Amino acid sequence: MRYATAIFDLAAEERAIDTIAADFAALKSMLQNSPELTRLVRSPIFSREEQGAAMAAVLQKAGAGDLARKLVLLLAQKRRLFALSDIIASFEQLLARHRGEIAAEITSARPLSAPETAELRRLLKDGLGREPRLTSHVDPKLLGGLVLKVGSRMIDSSLRTKLEGLRAAMKGP
């Protein structure tokens, strides 16, 4: 996405990649945890002035840097604020490539402990040859085990999938 590329290039020029990455991580978290903020960002009902004023207040409270503030207010002005989540995701991909990381999404039946996460990170680094950037999700429906997604590859070692396979095998042809 061109906005993500532009903000990444500007951040690189100003040596502010880590700052904008932290600001985007905070924004992403706020969007995930606040249905009201998500509604403000995605709803066409709000005027550009209302969106801009509200986002300026949110960014100020969050202590966001100048680049993040300028981008978000530009998006509000151009009526493109609905694309903020996609821009953040694209920026994260650019950042991962820049850092030599690879994104890995882990879904487990329960939250993983710090040692389990560290061991999984080590195994992924050994297997992939690059530092994994882990995103964890919890889905109690898995019953046990893990589902790991790395790029277009998926490894499903969940108990639910194994039980479904066993059920299908017992039914026969």
N, C-alpha and C. Protein backbone atom coordinates (compact mmCIF):
# COMPACT_ATOMS: atom_id res chain seq x y z
N MET A 1 0.85 -1.17 0.00
CA MET A 1 0.00 0.00 0.00
C MET A 1 0.90 1.24 0.00
N ARG A 2 0.54 2.20 -0.79
CA ARG A 2 1.43 3.35 -0.99
C ARG A 2 1.60 4.19 0.27
N TYR A 3 0.56 4.30 1.12
CA TYR A 3 0.71 5.07 2.35
C TYR A 3 1.74 4.42 3.27
N ALA A 4 1.69 3.09 3.38
CA ALA A 4 2.63 2.37 4.23
C ALA A 4 4.06 2.54 3.71
N THR A 5 4.23 2.43 2.41
CA THR A 5 5.55 2.61 1.81
C THR A 5 6.06 4.03 2.04
N ALA A 6 5.18 5.00 1.86
CA ALA A 6 5.58 6.40 2.04
C ALA A 6 5.98 6.68 3.48
N ILE A 7 5.19 6.19 4.44
CA ILE A 7 5.52 6.46 5.85
C ILE A 7 6.78 5.70 6.25
N PHE A 8 6.98 4.50 5.68
CA PHE A 8 8.19 3.75 5.98
C PHE A 8 9.42 4.49 5.46
N ASP A 9 9.32 4.99 4.22
CA ASP A 9 10.44 5.73 3.63
C ASP A 9 10.74 7.01 4.41
N LEU A 10 9.69 7.73 4.81
CA LEU A 10 9.89 8.95 5.61
C LEU A 10 10.53 8.61 6.95
N ALA A 11 10.05 7.55 7.58
CA ALA A 11 10.60 7.15 8.88
C ALA A 11 12.07 6.75 8.73
N ALA A 12 12.40 6.07 7.64
CA ALA A 12 13.80 5.69 7.40
C ALA A 12 14.67 6.93 7.22
N GLU A 13 14.18 7.91 6.46
CA GLU A 13 14.93 9.15 6.25
C GLU A 13 15.17 9.89 7.57
N GLU A 14 14.16 9.90 8.43
CA GLU A 14 14.26 10.62 9.70
C GLU A 14 14.80 9.75 10.83
N ARG A 15 15.19 8.54 10.50
CA ARG A 15 15.69 7.58 11.48
C ARG A 15 14.68 7.41 12.63
N ALA A 16 13.43 7.24 12.24
CA ALA A 16 12.34 7.13 13.21
C ALA A 16 11.50 5.87 12.99
N ILE A 17 12.13 4.85 12.43
CA ILE A 17 11.38 3.61 12.15
C ILE A 17 10.86 3.00 13.45
N ASP A 18 11.70 2.94 14.47
CA ASP A 18 11.26 2.34 15.73
C ASP A 18 10.14 3.15 16.38
N THR A 19 10.21 4.48 16.25
CA THR A 19 9.18 5.34 16.82
C THR A 19 7.84 5.12 16.13
N ILE A 20 7.83 5.12 14.81
CA ILE A 20 6.58 4.93 14.09
C ILE A 20 6.06 3.50 14.30
N ALA A 21 6.96 2.53 14.42
CA ALA A 21 6.54 1.15 14.68
C ALA A 21 5.84 1.05 16.03
N ALA A 22 6.38 1.72 17.03
CA ALA A 22 5.76 1.73 18.36
C ALA A 22 4.41 2.45 18.33
N ASP A 23 4.34 3.57 17.60
CA ASP A 23 3.08 4.30 17.48
C ASP A 23 2.03 3.45 16.78
N PHE A 24 2.42 2.76 15.72
CA PHE A 24 1.48 1.91 15.00
C PHE A 24 1.05 0.72 15.85
N ALA A 25 1.96 0.16 16.63
CA ALA A 25 1.60 -0.95 17.52
C ALA A 25 0.56 -0.48 18.55
N ALA A 26 0.75 0.71 19.08
CA ALA A 26 -0.22 1.26 20.04
C ALA A 26 -1.57 1.51 19.37
N LEU A 27 -1.53 2.07 18.17
CA LEU A 27 -2.78 2.32 17.43
C LEU A 27 -3.51 1.01 17.11
N LYS A 28 -2.76 0.01 16.70
CA LYS A 28 -3.34 -1.29 16.38
C LYS A 28 -4.02 -1.88 17.61
N SER A 29 -3.35 -1.79 18.74
CA SER A 29 -3.91 -2.29 19.99
C SER A 29 -5.18 -1.53 20.37
N MET A 30 -5.15 -0.21 20.22
CA MET A 30 -6.33 0.60 20.54
C MET A 30 -7.50 0.22 19.63
N LEU A 31 -7.22 0.02 18.35
CA LEU A 31 -8.28 -0.35 17.41
C LEU A 31 -8.86 -1.72 17.75
N GLN A 32 -8.02 -2.65 18.17
CA GLN A 32 -8.48 -3.99 18.50
C GLN A 32 -9.28 -4.01 19.80
N ASN A 33 -8.96 -3.10 20.71
CA ASN A 33 -9.59 -3.12 22.03
C ASN A 33 -10.71 -2.11 22.21
N SER A 34 -10.98 -1.29 21.23
CA SER A 34 -12.00 -0.26 21.37
C SER A 34 -12.98 -0.29 20.19
N PRO A 35 -14.15 -0.88 20.39
CA PRO A 35 -15.14 -0.89 19.31
C PRO A 35 -15.56 0.53 18.91
N GLU A 36 -15.54 1.46 19.86
CA GLU A 36 -15.92 2.84 19.56
C GLU A 36 -14.92 3.48 18.61
N LEU A 37 -13.64 3.25 18.88
CA LEU A 37 -12.60 3.81 18.01
C LEU A 37 -12.66 3.17 16.62
N THR A 38 -12.87 1.88 16.57
CA THR A 38 -13.01 1.19 15.29
C THR A 38 -14.19 1.75 14.51
N ARG A 39 -15.29 2.00 15.19
CA ARG A 39 -16.47 2.59 14.54
C ARG A 39 -16.16 3.98 14.00
N LEU A 40 -15.45 4.77 14.78
CA LEU A 40 -15.07 6.12 14.35
C LEU A 40 -14.22 6.06 13.08
N VAL A 41 -13.28 5.14 13.06
CA VAL A 41 -12.33 5.02 11.95
C VAL A 41 -13.02 4.50 10.69
N ARG A 42 -13.94 3.55 10.84
CA ARG A 42 -14.53 2.88 9.67
C ARG A 42 -15.84 3.48 9.18
N SER A 43 -16.52 4.22 10.03
CA SER A 43 -17.86 4.69 9.67
C SER A 43 -17.82 5.95 8.80
N PRO A 44 -18.54 5.93 7.68
CA PRO A 44 -18.61 7.12 6.83
C PRO A 44 -19.56 8.19 7.38
N ILE A 45 -20.24 7.86 8.48
CA ILE A 45 -21.19 8.80 9.08
C ILE A 45 -20.47 10.03 9.64
N PHE A 46 -19.28 9.81 10.19
CA PHE A 46 -18.53 10.91 10.79
C PHE A 46 -17.89 11.77 9.71
N SER A 47 -17.90 13.06 9.91
CA SER A 47 -17.28 13.97 8.95
C SER A 47 -15.76 13.90 9.10
N ARG A 48 -15.07 14.41 8.10
CA ARG A 48 -13.60 14.42 8.17
C ARG A 48 -13.12 15.26 9.35
N GLU A 49 -13.85 16.33 9.67
CA GLU A 49 -13.48 17.18 10.81
C GLU A 49 -13.66 16.42 12.13
N GLU A 50 -14.77 15.68 12.25
CA GLU A 50 -15.01 14.91 13.47
C GLU A 50 -13.96 13.82 13.63
N GLN A 51 -13.68 13.11 12.55
CA GLN A 51 -12.67 12.06 12.61
C GLN A 51 -11.29 12.65 12.95
N GLY A 52 -10.95 13.75 12.30
CA GLY A 52 -9.65 14.38 12.55
C GLY A 52 -9.51 14.85 13.97
N ALA A 53 -10.54 15.50 14.50
CA ALA A 53 -10.47 16.00 15.89
C ALA A 53 -10.38 14.85 16.88
N ALA A 54 -11.19 13.82 16.67
CA ALA A 54 -11.17 12.68 17.58
C ALA A 54 -9.82 11.95 17.52
N MET A 55 -9.31 11.74 16.32
CA MET A 55 -8.03 11.04 16.19
C MET A 55 -6.87 11.87 16.73
N ALA A 56 -6.94 13.18 16.58
CA ALA A 56 -5.90 14.05 17.16
C ALA A 56 -5.88 13.90 18.67
N ALA A 57 -7.05 13.84 19.28
CA ALA A 57 -7.12 13.66 20.74
C ALA A 57 -6.60 12.29 21.15
N VAL A 58 -6.96 11.26 20.41
CA VAL A 58 -6.49 9.90 20.70
C VAL A 58 -4.97 9.83 20.58
N LEU A 59 -4.43 10.40 19.51
CA LEU A 59 -2.99 10.36 19.29
C LEU A 59 -2.23 11.15 20.35
N GLN A 60 -2.79 12.27 20.75
CA GLN A 60 -2.14 13.08 21.79
C GLN A 60 -2.12 12.31 23.11
N LYS A 61 -3.24 11.69 23.45
CA LYS A 61 -3.32 10.93 24.69
C LYS A 61 -2.35 9.74 24.67
N ALA A 62 -2.20 9.14 23.48
CA ALA A 62 -1.30 8.00 23.34
C ALA A 62 0.17 8.42 23.26
N GLY A 63 0.41 9.71 23.10
CA GLY A 63 1.79 10.19 23.00
C GLY A 63 2.44 9.84 21.68
N ALA A 64 1.65 9.77 20.64
CA ALA A 64 2.18 9.40 19.31
C ALA A 64 3.11 10.47 18.77
N GLY A 65 4.06 10.03 17.98
CA GLY A 65 5.02 10.93 17.38
C GLY A 65 4.44 11.72 16.22
N ASP A 66 5.23 12.63 15.71
CA ASP A 66 4.81 13.56 14.67
C ASP A 66 4.42 12.85 13.37
N LEU A 67 5.21 11.86 12.96
CA LEU A 67 4.91 11.16 11.70
C LEU A 67 3.58 10.43 11.76
N ALA A 68 3.33 9.72 12.84
CA ALA A 68 2.07 8.99 12.98
C ALA A 68 0.91 9.97 13.01
N ARG A 69 1.06 11.05 13.74
CA ARG A 69 0.00 12.06 13.84
C ARG A 69 -0.30 12.64 12.47
N LYS A 70 0.74 13.02 11.73
CA LYS A 70 0.53 13.61 10.40
C LYS A 70 -0.17 12.64 9.45
N LEU A 71 0.25 11.36 9.48
CA LEU A 71 -0.36 10.37 8.60
C LEU A 71 -1.83 10.18 8.94
N VAL A 72 -2.14 9.98 10.20
CA VAL A 72 -3.53 9.72 10.59
C VAL A 72 -4.42 10.93 10.28
N LEU A 73 -3.93 12.12 10.53
CA LEU A 73 -4.72 13.31 10.23
C LEU A 73 -4.88 13.51 8.72
N LEU A 74 -3.86 13.15 7.94
CA LEU A 74 -3.98 13.20 6.49
C LEU A 74 -5.04 12.21 6.01
N LEU A 75 -5.02 11.01 6.59
CA LEU A 75 -6.02 10.01 6.23
C LEU A 75 -7.44 10.50 6.56
N ALA A 76 -7.59 11.15 7.70
CA ALA A 76 -8.90 11.70 8.07
C ALA A 76 -9.32 12.78 7.07
N GLN A 77 -8.38 13.65 6.72
CA GLN A 77 -8.68 14.74 5.79
C GLN A 77 -9.07 14.21 4.42
N LYS A 78 -8.41 13.13 3.98
CA LYS A 78 -8.65 12.56 2.65
C LYS A 78 -9.79 11.53 2.66
N ARG A 79 -10.45 11.37 3.82
CA ARG A 79 -11.53 10.39 3.98
C ARG A 79 -11.03 8.97 3.71
N ARG A 80 -9.81 8.67 4.15
CA ARG A 80 -9.21 7.35 3.97
C ARG A 80 -8.89 6.70 5.31
N LEU A 81 -9.45 7.20 6.39
CA LEU A 81 -9.15 6.68 7.72
C LEU A 81 -9.54 5.21 7.85
N PHE A 82 -10.54 4.77 7.08
CA PHE A 82 -10.97 3.37 7.09
C PHE A 82 -9.83 2.42 6.73
N ALA A 83 -8.81 2.91 6.04
CA ALA A 83 -7.70 2.07 5.59
C ALA A 83 -6.57 1.98 6.62
N LEU A 84 -6.74 2.60 7.78
CA LEU A 84 -5.66 2.65 8.76
C LEU A 84 -5.15 1.27 9.17
N SER A 85 -6.05 0.33 9.44
CA SER A 85 -5.62 -1.02 9.85
C SER A 85 -4.80 -1.70 8.75
N ASP A 86 -5.22 -1.53 7.51
CA ASP A 86 -4.49 -2.12 6.38
C ASP A 86 -3.12 -1.46 6.21
N ILE A 87 -3.06 -0.17 6.43
CA ILE A 87 -1.79 0.56 6.32
C ILE A 87 -0.83 0.07 7.40
N ILE A 88 -1.34 -0.10 8.61
CA ILE A 88 -0.50 -0.60 9.71
C ILE A 88 0.00 -2.00 9.39
N ALA A 89 -0.87 -2.86 8.86
CA ALA A 89 -0.46 -4.23 8.50
C ALA A 89 0.61 -4.21 7.41
N SER A 90 0.44 -3.36 6.41
CA SER A 90 1.44 -3.25 5.34
C SER A 90 2.76 -2.71 5.88
N PHE A 91 2.68 -1.73 6.77
CA PHE A 91 3.89 -1.19 7.39
C PHE A 91 4.62 -2.29 8.17
N GLU A 92 3.86 -3.10 8.91
CA GLU A 92 4.47 -4.19 9.68
C GLU A 92 5.20 -5.17 8.77
N GLN A 93 4.65 -5.43 7.58
CA GLN A 93 5.32 -6.32 6.63
C GLN A 93 6.62 -5.69 6.13
N LEU A 94 6.57 -4.40 5.83
CA LEU A 94 7.79 -3.70 5.40
C LEU A 94 8.84 -3.71 6.50
N LEU A 95 8.39 -3.48 7.72
CA LEU A 95 9.29 -3.47 8.87
C LEU A 95 9.93 -4.84 9.08
N ALA A 96 9.13 -5.89 8.97
CA ALA A 96 9.65 -7.25 9.14
C ALA A 96 10.70 -7.56 8.08
N ARG A 97 10.41 -7.18 6.85
CA ARG A 97 11.38 -7.41 5.76
C ARG A 97 12.67 -6.63 6.03
N HIS A 98 12.52 -5.38 6.49
CA HIS A 98 13.67 -4.52 6.79
C HIS A 98 14.53 -5.14 7.91
N ARG A 99 13.89 -5.73 8.89
CA ARG A 99 14.59 -6.31 10.03
C ARG A 99 15.01 -7.76 9.80
N GLY A 100 14.63 -8.32 8.65
CA GLY A 100 14.98 -9.72 8.38
C GLY A 100 14.11 -10.69 9.16
N GLU A 101 12.91 -10.28 9.51
CA GLU A 101 12.00 -11.13 10.28
C GLU A 101 10.98 -11.77 9.35
N ILE A 102 10.31 -12.78 9.89
CA ILE A 102 9.21 -13.40 9.17
C ILE A 102 8.03 -13.49 10.13
N ALA A 103 6.85 -13.19 9.63
CA ALA A 103 5.65 -13.21 10.47
C ALA A 103 5.17 -14.64 10.66
N ALA A 104 4.84 -14.97 11.91
CA ALA A 104 4.30 -16.28 12.24
C ALA A 104 3.12 -16.06 13.17
N GLU A 105 2.02 -16.72 12.84
CA GLU A 105 0.79 -16.60 13.64
C GLU A 105 0.54 -17.93 14.33
N ILE A 106 0.42 -17.88 15.66
CA ILE A 106 0.24 -19.08 16.44
C ILE A 106 -1.12 -19.02 17.13
N THR A 107 -1.90 -20.09 16.97
CA THR A 107 -3.17 -20.20 17.66
C THR A 107 -3.08 -21.42 18.56
N SER A 108 -3.38 -21.23 19.83
CA SER A 108 -3.31 -22.32 20.80
C SER A 108 -4.61 -22.37 21.60
N ALA A 109 -4.81 -23.50 22.27
CA ALA A 109 -6.02 -23.68 23.07
C ALA A 109 -5.97 -22.86 24.36
N ARG A 110 -4.78 -22.55 24.80
CA ARG A 110 -4.59 -21.74 26.01
C ARG A 110 -3.41 -20.81 25.78
N PRO A 111 -3.31 -19.74 26.57
CA PRO A 111 -2.15 -18.84 26.41
C PRO A 111 -0.84 -19.59 26.64
N LEU A 112 0.13 -19.32 25.80
CA LEU A 112 1.44 -19.96 25.95
C LEU A 112 2.25 -19.24 27.02
N SER A 113 3.00 -20.01 27.79
CA SER A 113 3.86 -19.41 28.81
C SER A 113 5.08 -18.79 28.14
N ALA A 114 5.80 -17.97 28.88
CA ALA A 114 7.01 -17.34 28.34
C ALA A 114 8.04 -18.37 27.88
N PRO A 115 8.31 -19.43 28.67
CA PRO A 115 9.27 -20.44 28.19
C PRO A 115 8.78 -21.17 26.94
N GLU A 116 7.48 -21.46 26.85
CA GLU A 116 6.95 -22.12 25.66
C GLU A 116 7.09 -21.22 24.43
N THR A 117 6.80 -19.94 24.60
CA THR A 117 6.93 -18.99 23.50
C THR A 117 8.39 -18.86 23.07
N ALA A 118 9.29 -18.80 24.04
CA ALA A 118 10.72 -18.69 23.73
C ALA A 118 11.21 -19.93 22.97
N GLU A 119 10.77 -21.11 23.40
CA GLU A 119 11.17 -22.35 22.72
C GLU A 119 10.60 -22.40 21.30
N LEU A 120 9.36 -22.00 21.15
CA LEU A 120 8.74 -21.97 19.82
C LEU A 120 9.46 -20.98 18.92
N ARG A 121 9.81 -19.82 19.46
CA ARG A 121 10.56 -18.81 18.70
C ARG A 121 11.92 -19.38 18.24
N ARG A 122 12.60 -20.10 19.15
CA ARG A 122 13.90 -20.68 18.83
C ARG A 122 13.77 -21.73 17.73
N LEU A 123 12.75 -22.61 17.85
CA LEU A 123 12.54 -23.65 16.85
C LEU A 123 12.22 -23.04 15.48
N LEU A 124 11.39 -22.01 15.47
CA LEU A 124 11.06 -21.35 14.21
C LEU A 124 12.28 -20.67 13.60
N LYS A 125 13.09 -20.04 14.43
CA LYS A 125 14.30 -19.37 13.92
C LYS A 125 15.25 -20.40 13.31
N ASP A 126 15.41 -21.54 13.98
CA ASP A 126 16.28 -22.59 13.46
C ASP A 126 15.73 -23.15 12.15
N GLY A 127 14.42 -23.34 12.08
CA GLY A 127 13.81 -23.94 10.89
C GLY A 127 13.70 -22.99 9.72
N LEU A 128 13.46 -21.71 10.00
CA LEU A 128 13.23 -20.73 8.94
C LEU A 128 14.48 -19.94 8.56
N GLY A 129 15.44 -19.91 9.48
CA GLY A 129 16.66 -19.15 9.21
C GLY A 129 16.49 -17.65 9.40
N ARG A 130 15.34 -17.23 9.86
CA ARG A 130 15.10 -15.81 10.12
C ARG A 130 14.37 -15.67 11.45
N GLU A 131 14.48 -14.50 12.02
CA GLU A 131 13.81 -14.22 13.30
C GLU A 131 12.31 -14.15 13.09
N PRO A 132 11.53 -14.97 13.81
CA PRO A 132 10.07 -14.90 13.65
C PRO A 132 9.47 -13.76 14.47
N ARG A 133 8.47 -13.10 13.89
CA ARG A 133 7.70 -12.09 14.62
C ARG A 133 6.38 -12.77 14.93
N LEU A 134 6.22 -13.19 16.18
CA LEU A 134 5.08 -14.00 16.58
C LEU A 134 3.86 -13.17 16.93
N THR A 135 2.72 -13.64 16.46
CA THR A 135 1.42 -13.11 16.86
C THR A 135 0.65 -14.29 17.42
N SER A 136 0.23 -14.17 18.67
CA SER A 136 -0.45 -15.28 19.33
C SER A 136 -1.94 -15.03 19.48
N HIS A 137 -2.70 -16.09 19.31
CA HIS A 137 -4.15 -16.06 19.50
C HIS A 137 -4.52 -17.28 20.34
N VAL A 138 -5.62 -17.15 21.08
CA VAL A 138 -6.12 -18.27 21.87
C VAL A 138 -7.49 -18.65 21.33
N ASP A 139 -7.66 -19.96 21.07
CA ASP A 139 -8.93 -20.50 20.61
C ASP A 139 -9.20 -21.78 21.38
N PRO A 140 -10.02 -21.70 22.44
CA PRO A 140 -10.28 -22.89 23.27
C PRO A 140 -10.89 -24.05 22.50
N LYS A 141 -11.47 -23.78 21.33
CA LYS A 141 -12.08 -24.84 20.52
C LYS A 141 -11.04 -25.82 19.98
N LEU A 142 -9.76 -25.44 20.01
CA LEU A 142 -8.71 -26.35 19.52
C LEU A 142 -8.52 -27.54 20.44
N LEU A 143 -8.92 -27.41 21.71
CA LEU A 143 -8.80 -28.42 22.75
C LEU A 143 -7.35 -28.61 23.21
N GLY A 144 -6.41 -28.62 22.33
CA GLY A 144 -4.99 -28.79 22.66
C GLY A 144 -4.18 -28.64 21.39
N GLY A 145 -2.87 -28.56 21.54
CA GLY A 145 -1.99 -28.43 20.39
C GLY A 145 -1.93 -27.01 19.87
N LEU A 146 -1.39 -26.86 18.65
CA LEU A 146 -1.16 -25.56 18.04
C LEU A 146 -1.56 -25.56 16.57
N VAL A 147 -1.88 -24.36 16.09
CA VAL A 147 -2.00 -24.12 14.65
C VAL A 147 -1.01 -23.01 14.35
N LEU A 148 -0.08 -23.27 13.45
CA LEU A 148 0.98 -22.32 13.12
C LEU A 148 0.85 -21.92 11.66
N LYS A 149 0.84 -20.62 11.40
CA LYS A 149 0.80 -20.10 10.04
C LYS A 149 2.04 -19.25 9.82
N VAL A 150 2.78 -19.61 8.80
CA VAL A 150 3.96 -18.84 8.40
C VAL A 150 3.84 -18.62 6.91
N GLY A 151 3.57 -17.38 6.53
CA GLY A 151 3.35 -17.08 5.12
C GLY A 151 2.14 -17.85 4.63
N SER A 152 2.30 -18.62 3.55
CA SER A 152 1.18 -19.38 3.00
C SER A 152 1.14 -20.81 3.57
N ARG A 153 2.09 -21.14 4.43
CA ARG A 153 2.14 -22.48 5.02
C ARG A 153 1.38 -22.52 6.33
N MET A 154 0.71 -23.65 6.57
CA MET A 154 -0.01 -23.83 7.83
C MET A 154 0.26 -25.23 8.35
N ILE A 155 0.60 -25.29 9.63
CA ILE A 155 0.81 -26.57 10.30
C ILE A 155 -0.24 -26.66 11.40
N ASP A 156 -1.10 -27.65 11.30
CA ASP A 156 -2.19 -27.80 12.26
C ASP A 156 -1.96 -29.07 13.07
N SER A 157 -1.52 -28.92 14.30
CA SER A 157 -1.32 -30.07 15.18
C SER A 157 -2.32 -30.01 16.34
N SER A 158 -3.47 -29.39 16.08
CA SER A 158 -4.47 -29.25 17.14
C SER A 158 -5.17 -30.58 17.39
N LEU A 159 -5.60 -30.77 18.60
CA LEU A 159 -6.32 -31.97 18.98
C LEU A 159 -7.66 -32.05 18.26
N ARG A 160 -8.29 -30.90 18.06
CA ARG A 160 -9.58 -30.87 17.35
C ARG A 160 -9.44 -31.46 15.95
N THR A 161 -8.42 -31.07 15.21
CA THR A 161 -8.21 -31.57 13.85
C THR A 161 -7.91 -33.07 13.86
N LYS A 162 -7.12 -33.50 14.84
CA LYS A 162 -6.82 -34.94 14.92
C LYS A 162 -8.08 -35.74 15.22
N LEU A 163 -8.93 -35.24 16.11
CA LEU A 163 -10.18 -35.93 16.43
C LEU A 163 -11.12 -35.96 15.22
N GLU A 164 -11.19 -34.88 14.48
CA GLU A 164 -12.03 -34.84 13.27
C GLU A 164 -11.53 -35.85 12.24
N GLY A 165 -10.21 -35.96 12.11
CA GLY A 165 -9.64 -36.96 11.18
C GLY A 165 -9.95 -38.38 11.62
N LEU A 166 -9.88 -38.61 12.92
CA LEU A 166 -10.19 -39.94 13.46
C LEU A 166 -11.67 -40.26 13.25
N ARG A 167 -12.53 -39.28 13.47
CA ARG A 167 -13.97 -39.47 13.27
C ARG A 167 -14.25 -39.82 11.80
N ALA A 168 -13.62 -39.12 10.90
CA ALA A 168 -13.82 -39.39 9.45
C ALA A 168 -13.32 -40.78 9.09
N ALA A 169 -12.19 -41.19 9.68
CA ALA A 169 -11.63 -42.51 9.38
C ALA A 169 -12.53 -43.62 9.93
N MET A 170 -13.17 -43.39 11.07
CA MET A 170 -14.03 -44.40 11.67
C MET A 170 -15.34 -44.55 10.89
N LYS A 171 -15.79 -43.49 10.25
CA LYS A 171 -17.02 -43.58 9.44
C LYS A 171 -16.80 -44.45 8.23
N GLY A 172 -15.60 -44.43 7.72
CA GLY A 172 -15.29 -45.26 6.55
C GLY A 172 -15.80 -44.64 5.26
N PRO A 173 -15.65 -45.37 4.16
CA PRO A 173 -16.03 -44.86 2.84
C PRO A 173 -17.52 -44.81 2.62
